[in-house]
Amino acid sequence: MAIPVIDFSKLNGEERAKTMAQIANGCEEWGFFQLVNHIYGISEELLERVKKVCSQCYKLEREEGFKNSKLV
């Protein structure tokens, strides 16, 4: 099984709709994806913000899981 790999260079071309659908699928079905060919790059600040939000999201999800489990 391989994680979704999305070619970001196709976002502003004829394959925009397909690329957007791949991004949606990566988010909804996998929770993440690998982004390749991002021409302008992604700033270090944005990457750090994304990591922080993801960590907070997974932490909340785990806490909710513990609350709803029969072990607690």
Protein backbone atom coordinates (compact mmCIF):
# COMPACT_ATOMS: atom_id res chain seq x y z
CA MET A 1 0.00 0.00 0.00
CA ALA A 2 1.40 3.40 -0.96
CA ILE A 3 0.33 6.83 0.21
CA PRO A 4 -1.16 9.16 -2.43
CA VAL A 5 1.43 11.16 -4.38
CA ILE A 6 0.05 14.36 -5.90
CA ASP A 7 1.75 16.36 -8.64
CA PHE A 8 1.15 19.95 -7.55
CA SER A 9 2.38 21.36 -10.86
CA LYS A 10 -0.90 20.17 -12.43
CA LEU A 11 -3.02 22.27 -10.09
CA ASN A 12 -3.19 25.25 -12.47
CA GLY A 13 -3.52 23.35 -15.73
CA GLU A 14 -6.02 21.21 -17.57
CA GLU A 15 -5.85 18.58 -14.83
CA ARG A 16 -6.89 20.97 -12.05
CA ALA A 17 -10.16 19.16 -11.27
CA LYS A 18 -8.39 15.79 -11.13
CA THR A 19 -5.65 17.22 -8.91
CA MET A 20 -8.19 18.79 -6.55
CA ALA A 21 -9.99 15.44 -6.35
CA GLN A 22 -6.70 13.73 -5.49
CA ILE A 23 -6.05 16.27 -2.73
CA ALA A 24 -9.56 15.76 -1.34
CA ASN A 25 -9.14 11.98 -1.43
CA GLY A 26 -5.75 12.20 0.26
CA CYS A 27 -7.24 14.29 3.05
CA GLU A 28 -10.49 12.36 3.48
CA GLU A 29 -9.36 8.77 2.96
CA TRP A 30 -5.75 8.86 4.12
CA GLY A 31 -5.36 11.94 6.27
CA PHE A 32 -2.19 12.91 4.38
CA PHE A 33 -0.44 12.74 1.01
CA GLN A 34 2.96 13.38 -0.56
CA LEU A 35 3.13 16.56 -2.59
CA VAL A 36 5.63 16.66 -5.47
CA ASN A 37 6.57 19.35 -8.01
CA HIS A 38 5.53 22.33 -5.93
CA ILE A 39 7.25 24.84 -8.18
CA TYR A 40 7.36 27.75 -5.76
CA GLY A 41 8.30 25.65 -2.79
CA ILE A 42 6.67 25.54 0.58
CA SER A 43 8.00 27.83 3.28
CA GLU A 44 9.50 26.38 6.42
CA GLU A 45 7.02 28.46 8.45
CA LEU A 46 4.04 26.86 6.70
CA LEU A 47 5.46 23.37 7.15
CA GLU A 48 5.93 24.00 10.87
CA ARG A 49 2.35 25.33 11.19
CA VAL A 50 0.98 22.27 9.40
CA LYS A 51 2.95 19.92 11.68
CA LYS A 52 1.66 21.75 14.75
CA VAL A 53 -1.98 21.61 13.62
CA CYS A 54 -1.66 17.93 12.70
CA SER A 55 -0.16 17.11 16.08
CA GLN A 56 -2.94 18.95 17.88
CA CYS A 57 -5.58 17.20 15.76
CA TYR A 58 -4.20 13.72 16.42
CA LYS A 59 -3.81 14.48 20.12
CA LEU A 60 -7.49 15.49 20.34
CA GLU A 61 -8.49 12.40 18.38
CA ARG A 62 -6.55 10.12 20.76
CA GLU A 63 -8.04 11.84 23.81
CA GLU A 64 -11.57 11.40 22.42
CA GLY A 65 -10.77 7.75 21.67
CA PHE A 66 -9.66 7.19 25.24
CA LYS A 67 -12.80 8.86 26.59
CA ASN A 68 -14.99 6.63 24.44
CA SER A 69 -13.14 3.38 25.14
CA LYS A 70 -14.27 0.89 27.74
CA LEU A 71 -10.81 0.92 29.33
CA VAL A 72 -11.26 4.38 30.86
